[in-house]
Amino acid sequence: ICGDRRLPVAEEIIPLSSEEQCRQWLASFCGRLAHAADDAVQKTVPDVLMRAVDYVQRHFERPLQLSDVAKTLGISPAYLSRLFSDHLHVTFTDFLAGIRVQKACGLLLSGDMQVKDIAGRVGVADPNYFGRLFKKRTGMTPVEWVRMHR
């Protein structure tokens, strides 16, 4: 998609003559692709699930249970669990863990905090459990991850 017209990607790429133009096109293409994906998700994902995802993203640092989120949204825990499974193909627990690890990665890169403090900051009270959770999700311990990404 290019503006209001549909063009094959090759027709967009062929006229590019510099590395900078290629980078700009790629950035634009990725933006269009992300926008199209967001549109597709919003059309297929129920509003209540989008509200649940938003709630988890805003409150991940608190102790969160599926039942608490369901109660906040006025739906049953079983229904919310089914929404996560059917539409996002993950359990609520795995979704929450993914958010926490993602947020922890940003904090790890800042270099301002120790791993045990980051664990608490992302809602995991036990630093040992946080280490296991992080390794399960990334394949590395937090310290190994920092070494690789700094």
N, C-alpha and C. Protein backbone atom coordinates (compact mmCIF):
# COMPACT_ATOMS: atom_id res chain seq x y z
N ILE A 1 0.86 -1.18 0.00
CA ILE A 1 0.00 0.00 0.00
C ILE A 1 0.90 1.23 0.00
N CYS A 2 0.65 2.12 -0.89
CA CYS A 2 1.44 3.35 -0.99
C CYS A 2 0.46 4.50 -1.17
N GLY A 3 0.25 5.27 -0.12
CA GLY A 3 -0.76 6.32 -0.20
C GLY A 3 -2.11 5.68 -0.37
N ASP A 4 -2.88 6.14 -1.36
CA ASP A 4 -4.20 5.58 -1.62
C ASP A 4 -4.16 4.47 -2.66
N ARG A 5 -2.99 4.22 -3.25
CA ARG A 5 -2.88 3.22 -4.31
C ARG A 5 -2.17 1.99 -3.79
N ARG A 6 -2.46 0.88 -4.42
CA ARG A 6 -1.75 -0.36 -4.10
C ARG A 6 -0.66 -0.56 -5.14
N LEU A 7 0.57 -0.66 -4.67
CA LEU A 7 1.71 -0.88 -5.56
C LEU A 7 2.49 -2.09 -5.06
N PRO A 8 2.96 -2.89 -5.97
CA PRO A 8 3.87 -3.96 -5.52
C PRO A 8 5.10 -3.33 -4.87
N VAL A 9 5.61 -3.99 -3.88
CA VAL A 9 6.76 -3.48 -3.15
C VAL A 9 7.93 -3.19 -4.09
N ALA A 10 8.12 -4.02 -5.09
CA ALA A 10 9.24 -3.82 -6.02
C ALA A 10 9.15 -2.47 -6.71
N GLU A 11 7.94 -2.03 -7.07
CA GLU A 11 7.78 -0.74 -7.73
C GLU A 11 8.14 0.42 -6.81
N GLU A 12 8.05 0.20 -5.51
CA GLU A 12 8.47 1.23 -4.56
C GLU A 12 9.99 1.23 -4.40
N ILE A 13 10.60 0.06 -4.50
CA ILE A 13 12.03 -0.07 -4.23
C ILE A 13 12.90 0.30 -5.44
N ILE A 14 12.48 -0.07 -6.62
CA ILE A 14 13.31 0.11 -7.82
C ILE A 14 13.83 1.54 -7.98
N PRO A 15 13.02 2.58 -7.76
CA PRO A 15 13.54 3.94 -7.97
C PRO A 15 14.54 4.41 -6.91
N LEU A 16 14.70 3.69 -5.81
CA LEU A 16 15.60 4.13 -4.75
C LEU A 16 17.05 4.05 -5.24
N SER A 17 17.78 5.14 -5.00
CA SER A 17 19.13 5.18 -5.56
C SER A 17 20.23 5.36 -4.52
N SER A 18 19.85 5.59 -3.28
CA SER A 18 20.90 5.77 -2.26
C SER A 18 20.57 4.94 -1.03
N GLU A 19 21.58 4.73 -0.22
CA GLU A 19 21.38 3.99 1.02
C GLU A 19 20.40 4.72 1.93
N GLU A 20 20.48 6.04 1.96
CA GLU A 20 19.58 6.83 2.80
C GLU A 20 18.13 6.68 2.35
N GLN A 21 17.90 6.69 1.04
CA GLN A 21 16.54 6.50 0.54
C GLN A 21 16.02 5.11 0.91
N CYS A 22 16.90 4.12 0.85
CA CYS A 22 16.50 2.76 1.23
C CYS A 22 16.13 2.70 2.71
N ARG A 23 16.90 3.35 3.57
CA ARG A 23 16.60 3.38 5.00
C ARG A 23 15.26 4.07 5.25
N GLN A 24 15.04 5.20 4.56
CA GLN A 24 13.78 5.92 4.74
C GLN A 24 12.60 5.07 4.27
N TRP A 25 12.77 4.38 3.13
CA TRP A 25 11.69 3.53 2.64
C TRP A 25 11.41 2.41 3.63
N LEU A 26 12.48 1.79 4.14
CA LEU A 26 12.32 0.69 5.08
C LEU A 26 11.59 1.15 6.34
N ALA A 27 11.97 2.32 6.86
CA ALA A 27 11.29 2.85 8.04
C ALA A 27 9.82 3.10 7.75
N SER A 28 9.54 3.65 6.59
CA SER A 28 8.15 3.91 6.20
C SER A 28 7.38 2.60 6.05
N PHE A 29 7.99 1.63 5.39
CA PHE A 29 7.35 0.34 5.17
C PHE A 29 7.05 -0.35 6.50
N CYS A 30 8.02 -0.32 7.43
CA CYS A 30 7.80 -0.95 8.73
C CYS A 30 6.67 -0.25 9.48
N GLY A 31 6.60 1.06 9.37
CA GLY A 31 5.51 1.81 9.99
C GLY A 31 4.17 1.43 9.41
N ARG A 32 4.10 1.30 8.09
CA ARG A 32 2.83 0.92 7.44
C ARG A 32 2.44 -0.50 7.84
N LEU A 33 3.44 -1.37 7.91
CA LEU A 33 3.18 -2.77 8.29
C LEU A 33 2.67 -2.84 9.73
N ALA A 34 3.30 -2.11 10.63
CA ALA A 34 2.87 -2.11 12.02
C ALA A 34 1.46 -1.54 12.15
N HIS A 35 1.17 -0.49 11.41
CA HIS A 35 -0.16 0.12 11.44
C HIS A 35 -1.21 -0.88 10.93
N ALA A 36 -0.90 -1.57 9.86
CA ALA A 36 -1.83 -2.57 9.32
C ALA A 36 -2.05 -3.70 10.32
N ALA A 37 -0.98 -4.12 11.01
CA ALA A 37 -1.11 -5.18 12.00
C ALA A 37 -1.97 -4.71 13.17
N ASP A 38 -1.75 -3.47 13.62
CA ASP A 38 -2.57 -2.92 14.70
C ASP A 38 -4.04 -2.87 14.30
N ASP A 39 -4.31 -2.43 13.07
CA ASP A 39 -5.69 -2.38 12.58
C ASP A 39 -6.32 -3.77 12.58
N ALA A 40 -5.56 -4.77 12.14
CA ALA A 40 -6.08 -6.13 12.08
C ALA A 40 -6.39 -6.66 13.48
N VAL A 41 -5.49 -6.38 14.42
CA VAL A 41 -5.69 -6.84 15.80
C VAL A 41 -6.92 -6.17 16.39
N GLN A 42 -7.06 -4.88 16.20
CA GLN A 42 -8.19 -4.16 16.78
C GLN A 42 -9.51 -4.63 16.20
N LYS A 43 -9.51 -5.12 14.97
CA LYS A 43 -10.75 -5.60 14.36
C LYS A 43 -11.13 -6.99 14.85
N THR A 44 -10.16 -7.77 15.31
CA THR A 44 -10.45 -9.15 15.68
C THR A 44 -10.43 -9.40 17.19
N VAL A 45 -9.82 -8.51 17.95
CA VAL A 45 -9.70 -8.72 19.39
C VAL A 45 -10.84 -7.98 20.10
N PRO A 46 -11.58 -8.68 20.94
CA PRO A 46 -12.68 -8.02 21.66
C PRO A 46 -12.18 -6.85 22.50
N ASP A 47 -13.02 -5.85 22.62
CA ASP A 47 -12.68 -4.63 23.37
C ASP A 47 -12.31 -4.96 24.81
N VAL A 48 -13.02 -5.89 25.44
CA VAL A 48 -12.73 -6.21 26.83
C VAL A 48 -11.33 -6.80 26.98
N LEU A 49 -10.86 -7.53 26.00
CA LEU A 49 -9.49 -8.06 26.04
C LEU A 49 -8.49 -6.94 25.87
N MET A 50 -8.77 -6.01 24.99
CA MET A 50 -7.88 -4.85 24.82
C MET A 50 -7.79 -4.06 26.12
N ARG A 51 -8.92 -3.94 26.82
CA ARG A 51 -8.91 -3.25 28.11
C ARG A 51 -8.10 -4.03 29.15
N ALA A 52 -8.19 -5.35 29.11
CA ALA A 52 -7.40 -6.18 30.02
C ALA A 52 -5.91 -6.02 29.75
N VAL A 53 -5.53 -6.04 28.48
CA VAL A 53 -4.12 -5.87 28.10
C VAL A 53 -3.63 -4.50 28.58
N ASP A 54 -4.43 -3.48 28.36
CA ASP A 54 -4.06 -2.13 28.79
C ASP A 54 -3.90 -2.08 30.31
N TYR A 55 -4.81 -2.72 31.03
CA TYR A 55 -4.75 -2.75 32.48
C TYR A 55 -3.45 -3.42 32.96
N VAL A 56 -3.13 -4.55 32.37
CA VAL A 56 -1.91 -5.26 32.75
C VAL A 56 -0.68 -4.41 32.44
N GLN A 57 -0.66 -3.75 31.30
CA GLN A 57 0.49 -2.92 30.94
C GLN A 57 0.66 -1.73 31.87
N ARG A 58 -0.44 -1.23 32.42
CA ARG A 58 -0.36 -0.09 33.34
C ARG A 58 -0.10 -0.50 34.79
N HIS A 59 -0.39 -1.76 35.15
CA HIS A 59 -0.30 -2.18 36.55
C HIS A 59 0.59 -3.40 36.76
N PHE A 60 1.48 -3.69 35.82
CA PHE A 60 2.31 -4.89 35.89
C PHE A 60 3.18 -4.95 37.14
N GLU A 61 3.48 -3.79 37.73
CA GLU A 61 4.39 -3.77 38.88
C GLU A 61 3.69 -4.20 40.18
N ARG A 62 2.38 -4.32 40.13
CA ARG A 62 1.60 -4.78 41.28
C ARG A 62 1.44 -6.30 41.23
N PRO A 63 1.12 -6.90 42.37
CA PRO A 63 0.74 -8.32 42.31
C PRO A 63 -0.58 -8.43 41.55
N LEU A 64 -0.59 -9.08 40.41
CA LEU A 64 -1.79 -9.20 39.58
C LEU A 64 -2.22 -10.65 39.46
N GLN A 65 -3.48 -10.87 39.63
CA GLN A 65 -4.08 -12.18 39.43
C GLN A 65 -5.14 -12.03 38.34
N LEU A 66 -5.34 -13.08 37.59
CA LEU A 66 -6.38 -13.09 36.58
C LEU A 66 -7.72 -12.68 37.17
N SER A 67 -8.02 -13.21 38.34
CA SER A 67 -9.31 -12.91 38.98
C SER A 67 -9.46 -11.43 39.32
N ASP A 68 -8.38 -10.78 39.71
CA ASP A 68 -8.43 -9.34 40.02
C ASP A 68 -8.73 -8.52 38.76
N VAL A 69 -8.06 -8.86 37.68
CA VAL A 69 -8.27 -8.13 36.42
C VAL A 69 -9.69 -8.37 35.93
N ALA A 70 -10.15 -9.60 36.00
CA ALA A 70 -11.51 -9.92 35.56
C ALA A 70 -12.54 -9.15 36.39
N LYS A 71 -12.32 -9.09 37.68
CA LYS A 71 -13.25 -8.36 38.56
C LYS A 71 -13.25 -6.87 38.19
N THR A 72 -12.09 -6.31 37.93
CA THR A 72 -12.00 -4.90 37.54
C THR A 72 -12.79 -4.64 36.27
N LEU A 73 -12.77 -5.60 35.36
CA LEU A 73 -13.46 -5.43 34.07
C LEU A 73 -14.92 -5.88 34.11
N GLY A 74 -15.32 -6.50 35.21
CA GLY A 74 -16.71 -6.94 35.35
C GLY A 74 -17.04 -8.18 34.54
N ILE A 75 -16.05 -9.06 34.39
CA ILE A 75 -16.27 -10.31 33.67
C ILE A 75 -15.76 -11.47 34.51
N SER A 76 -16.08 -12.68 34.11
CA SER A 76 -15.63 -13.84 34.89
C SER A 76 -14.17 -14.16 34.55
N PRO A 77 -13.44 -14.70 35.52
CA PRO A 77 -12.05 -15.11 35.27
C PRO A 77 -11.96 -16.15 34.15
N ALA A 78 -12.90 -17.06 34.10
CA ALA A 78 -12.86 -18.10 33.06
C ALA A 78 -12.99 -17.48 31.67
N TYR A 79 -13.87 -16.49 31.53
CA TYR A 79 -14.05 -15.82 30.25
C TYR A 79 -12.78 -15.06 29.86
N LEU A 80 -12.18 -14.34 30.82
CA LEU A 80 -10.96 -13.61 30.52
C LEU A 80 -9.84 -14.56 30.14
N SER A 81 -9.73 -15.67 30.84
CA SER A 81 -8.71 -16.66 30.51
C SER A 81 -8.89 -17.17 29.09
N ARG A 82 -10.14 -17.46 28.73
CA ARG A 82 -10.43 -17.94 27.38
C ARG A 82 -10.10 -16.88 26.33
N LEU A 83 -10.35 -15.60 26.63
CA LEU A 83 -10.01 -14.53 25.69
C LEU A 83 -8.50 -14.48 25.43
N PHE A 84 -7.71 -14.58 26.49
CA PHE A 84 -6.25 -14.59 26.31
C PHE A 84 -5.82 -15.78 25.46
N SER A 85 -6.36 -16.94 25.76
CA SER A 85 -5.97 -18.15 25.02
C SER A 85 -6.42 -18.09 23.56
N ASP A 86 -7.67 -17.71 23.33
CA ASP A 86 -8.23 -17.72 21.98
C ASP A 86 -7.66 -16.65 21.07
N HIS A 87 -7.42 -15.46 21.61
CA HIS A 87 -7.03 -14.34 20.76
C HIS A 87 -5.54 -14.02 20.79
N LEU A 88 -4.90 -14.21 21.93
CA LEU A 88 -3.47 -13.90 22.03
C LEU A 88 -2.60 -15.15 22.06
N HIS A 89 -3.24 -16.31 22.19
CA HIS A 89 -2.55 -17.60 22.18
C HIS A 89 -1.51 -17.73 23.30
N VAL A 90 -1.81 -17.11 24.43
CA VAL A 90 -0.98 -17.23 25.63
C VAL A 90 -1.92 -17.27 26.83
N THR A 91 -1.39 -17.78 27.92
CA THR A 91 -2.15 -17.70 29.17
C THR A 91 -1.98 -16.29 29.75
N PHE A 92 -2.85 -15.94 30.67
CA PHE A 92 -2.72 -14.65 31.35
C PHE A 92 -1.37 -14.56 32.04
N THR A 93 -0.98 -15.64 32.71
CA THR A 93 0.30 -15.66 33.44
C THR A 93 1.48 -15.44 32.51
N ASP A 94 1.47 -16.09 31.36
CA ASP A 94 2.57 -15.90 30.39
C ASP A 94 2.57 -14.49 29.83
N PHE A 95 1.39 -13.93 29.58
CA PHE A 95 1.32 -12.55 29.09
C PHE A 95 1.91 -11.59 30.11
N LEU A 96 1.51 -11.74 31.37
CA LEU A 96 2.02 -10.88 32.43
C LEU A 96 3.53 -11.05 32.58
N ALA A 97 4.02 -12.26 32.52
CA ALA A 97 5.46 -12.51 32.62
C ALA A 97 6.20 -11.83 31.47
N GLY A 98 5.64 -11.89 30.27
CA GLY A 98 6.26 -11.24 29.12
C GLY A 98 6.36 -9.74 29.30
N ILE A 99 5.32 -9.12 29.82
CA ILE A 99 5.33 -7.68 30.08
C ILE A 99 6.40 -7.35 31.11
N ARG A 100 6.45 -8.14 32.16
CA ARG A 100 7.43 -7.88 33.23
C ARG A 100 8.86 -8.03 32.73
N VAL A 101 9.12 -9.04 31.95
CA VAL A 101 10.48 -9.23 31.41
C VAL A 101 10.82 -8.10 30.44
N GLN A 102 9.88 -7.72 29.61
CA GLN A 102 10.11 -6.61 28.68
C GLN A 102 10.47 -5.33 29.43
N LYS A 103 9.72 -5.01 30.47
CA LYS A 103 10.00 -3.80 31.27
C LYS A 103 11.34 -3.94 31.98
N ALA A 104 11.65 -5.15 32.45
CA ALA A 104 12.92 -5.38 33.13
C ALA A 104 14.10 -5.15 32.18
N CYS A 105 13.94 -5.53 30.93
CA CYS A 105 15.02 -5.33 29.95
C CYS A 105 15.37 -3.85 29.83
N GLY A 106 14.35 -3.00 29.79
CA GLY A 106 14.61 -1.57 29.72
C GLY A 106 15.33 -1.07 30.96
N LEU A 107 14.93 -1.55 32.12
CA LEU A 107 15.58 -1.13 33.36
C LEU A 107 17.01 -1.67 33.45
N LEU A 108 17.22 -2.87 32.96
CA LEU A 108 18.57 -3.44 32.97
C LEU A 108 19.52 -2.61 32.11
N LEU A 109 19.03 -2.15 30.98
CA LEU A 109 19.89 -1.37 30.09
C LEU A 109 20.24 0.00 30.66
N SER A 110 19.38 0.52 31.52
CA SER A 110 19.67 1.83 32.10
C SER A 110 20.89 1.76 33.01
N GLY A 111 21.13 0.57 33.59
CA GLY A 111 22.32 0.37 34.41
C GLY A 111 22.26 1.04 35.77
N ASP A 112 21.13 1.59 36.13
CA ASP A 112 21.01 2.33 37.39
C ASP A 112 20.59 1.48 38.58
N MET A 113 20.15 0.25 38.33
CA MET A 113 19.58 -0.57 39.40
C MET A 113 20.19 -1.96 39.41
N GLN A 114 20.16 -2.57 40.59
CA GLN A 114 20.58 -3.95 40.72
C GLN A 114 19.43 -4.86 40.31
N VAL A 115 19.76 -6.09 39.94
CA VAL A 115 18.76 -7.04 39.46
C VAL A 115 17.67 -7.25 40.51
N LYS A 116 18.04 -7.37 41.79
CA LYS A 116 17.02 -7.60 42.82
C LYS A 116 16.06 -6.42 42.92
N ASP A 117 16.54 -5.21 42.70
CA ASP A 117 15.67 -4.03 42.73
C ASP A 117 14.76 -3.99 41.51
N ILE A 118 15.30 -4.40 40.38
CA ILE A 118 14.51 -4.44 39.14
C ILE A 118 13.39 -5.47 39.29
N ALA A 119 13.70 -6.61 39.90
CA ALA A 119 12.68 -7.63 40.12
C ALA A 119 11.49 -7.03 40.86
N GLY A 120 11.75 -6.35 41.95
CA GLY A 120 10.68 -5.72 42.72
C GLY A 120 9.95 -4.65 41.93
N ARG A 121 10.69 -3.93 41.13
CA ARG A 121 10.10 -2.83 40.34
C ARG A 121 9.13 -3.34 39.28
N VAL A 122 9.33 -4.56 38.79
CA VAL A 122 8.44 -5.11 37.77
C VAL A 122 7.41 -6.08 38.36
N GLY A 123 7.30 -6.09 39.69
CA GLY A 123 6.24 -6.87 40.31
C GLY A 123 6.58 -8.28 40.72
N VAL A 124 7.87 -8.61 40.75
CA VAL A 124 8.28 -9.96 41.16
C VAL A 124 9.02 -9.82 42.50
N ALA A 125 8.41 -10.28 43.57
CA ALA A 125 8.96 -10.09 44.91
C ALA A 125 10.23 -10.89 45.16
N ASP A 126 10.34 -12.06 44.57
CA ASP A 126 11.47 -12.96 44.82
C ASP A 126 12.50 -12.81 43.69
N PRO A 127 13.68 -12.25 43.99
CA PRO A 127 14.71 -12.08 42.95
C PRO A 127 15.15 -13.39 42.31
N ASN A 128 15.15 -14.49 43.07
CA ASN A 128 15.53 -15.78 42.51
C ASN A 128 14.50 -16.24 41.48
N TYR A 129 13.23 -16.08 41.81
CA TYR A 129 12.18 -16.43 40.86
C TYR A 129 12.28 -15.53 39.62
N PHE A 130 12.56 -14.25 39.84
CA PHE A 130 12.72 -13.33 38.71
C PHE A 130 13.82 -13.82 37.78
N GLY A 131 14.95 -14.25 38.32
CA GLY A 131 16.05 -14.76 37.51
C GLY A 131 15.63 -15.96 36.67
N ARG A 132 14.89 -16.87 37.28
CA ARG A 132 14.41 -18.05 36.54
C ARG A 132 13.42 -17.65 35.46
N LEU A 133 12.51 -16.75 35.80
CA LEU A 133 11.52 -16.26 34.84
C LEU A 133 12.20 -15.57 33.66
N PHE A 134 13.17 -14.72 33.97
CA PHE A 134 13.90 -13.98 32.93
C PHE A 134 14.63 -14.95 32.01
N LYS A 135 15.31 -15.94 32.58
CA LYS A 135 16.05 -16.91 31.78
C LYS A 135 15.10 -17.75 30.92
N LYS A 136 13.96 -18.11 31.46
CA LYS A 136 12.99 -18.89 30.70
C LYS A 136 12.51 -18.10 29.48
N ARG A 137 12.32 -16.80 29.64
CA ARG A 137 11.78 -15.97 28.56
C ARG A 137 12.85 -15.53 27.55
N THR A 138 14.08 -15.34 28.01
CA THR A 138 15.12 -14.80 27.12
C THR A 138 16.22 -15.79 26.78
N GLY A 139 16.31 -16.87 27.57
CA GLY A 139 17.39 -17.83 27.37
C GLY A 139 18.68 -17.44 28.06
N MET A 140 18.64 -16.32 28.79
CA MET A 140 19.83 -15.82 29.49
C MET A 140 19.45 -15.32 30.87
N THR A 141 20.42 -15.29 31.76
CA THR A 141 20.19 -14.64 33.04
C THR A 141 20.18 -13.13 32.79
N PRO A 142 19.67 -12.35 33.74
CA PRO A 142 19.70 -10.89 33.55
C PRO A 142 21.11 -10.35 33.34
N VAL A 143 22.07 -10.88 34.08
CA VAL A 143 23.46 -10.41 33.93
C VAL A 143 24.00 -10.75 32.54
N GLU A 144 23.75 -11.96 32.06
CA GLU A 144 24.19 -12.35 30.72
C GLU A 144 23.51 -11.48 29.66
N TRP A 145 22.23 -11.18 29.86
CA TRP A 145 21.49 -10.36 28.91
C TRP A 145 22.08 -8.96 28.82
N VAL A 146 22.43 -8.40 29.99
CA VAL A 146 23.03 -7.05 30.01
C VAL A 146 24.36 -7.06 29.27
N ARG A 147 25.19 -8.06 29.53
CA ARG A 147 26.50 -8.14 28.86
C ARG A 147 26.34 -8.19 27.34
N MET A 148 25.33 -8.91 26.89
CA MET A 148 25.12 -9.06 25.45
C MET A 148 24.58 -7.79 24.81
N HIS A 149 23.79 -7.02 25.54
CA HIS A 149 23.10 -5.88 24.95
C HIS A 149 23.71 -4.52 25.24
N ARG A 150 24.75 -4.47 26.03
CA ARG A 150 25.39 -3.18 26.29
C ARG A 150 26.48 -2.93 25.29
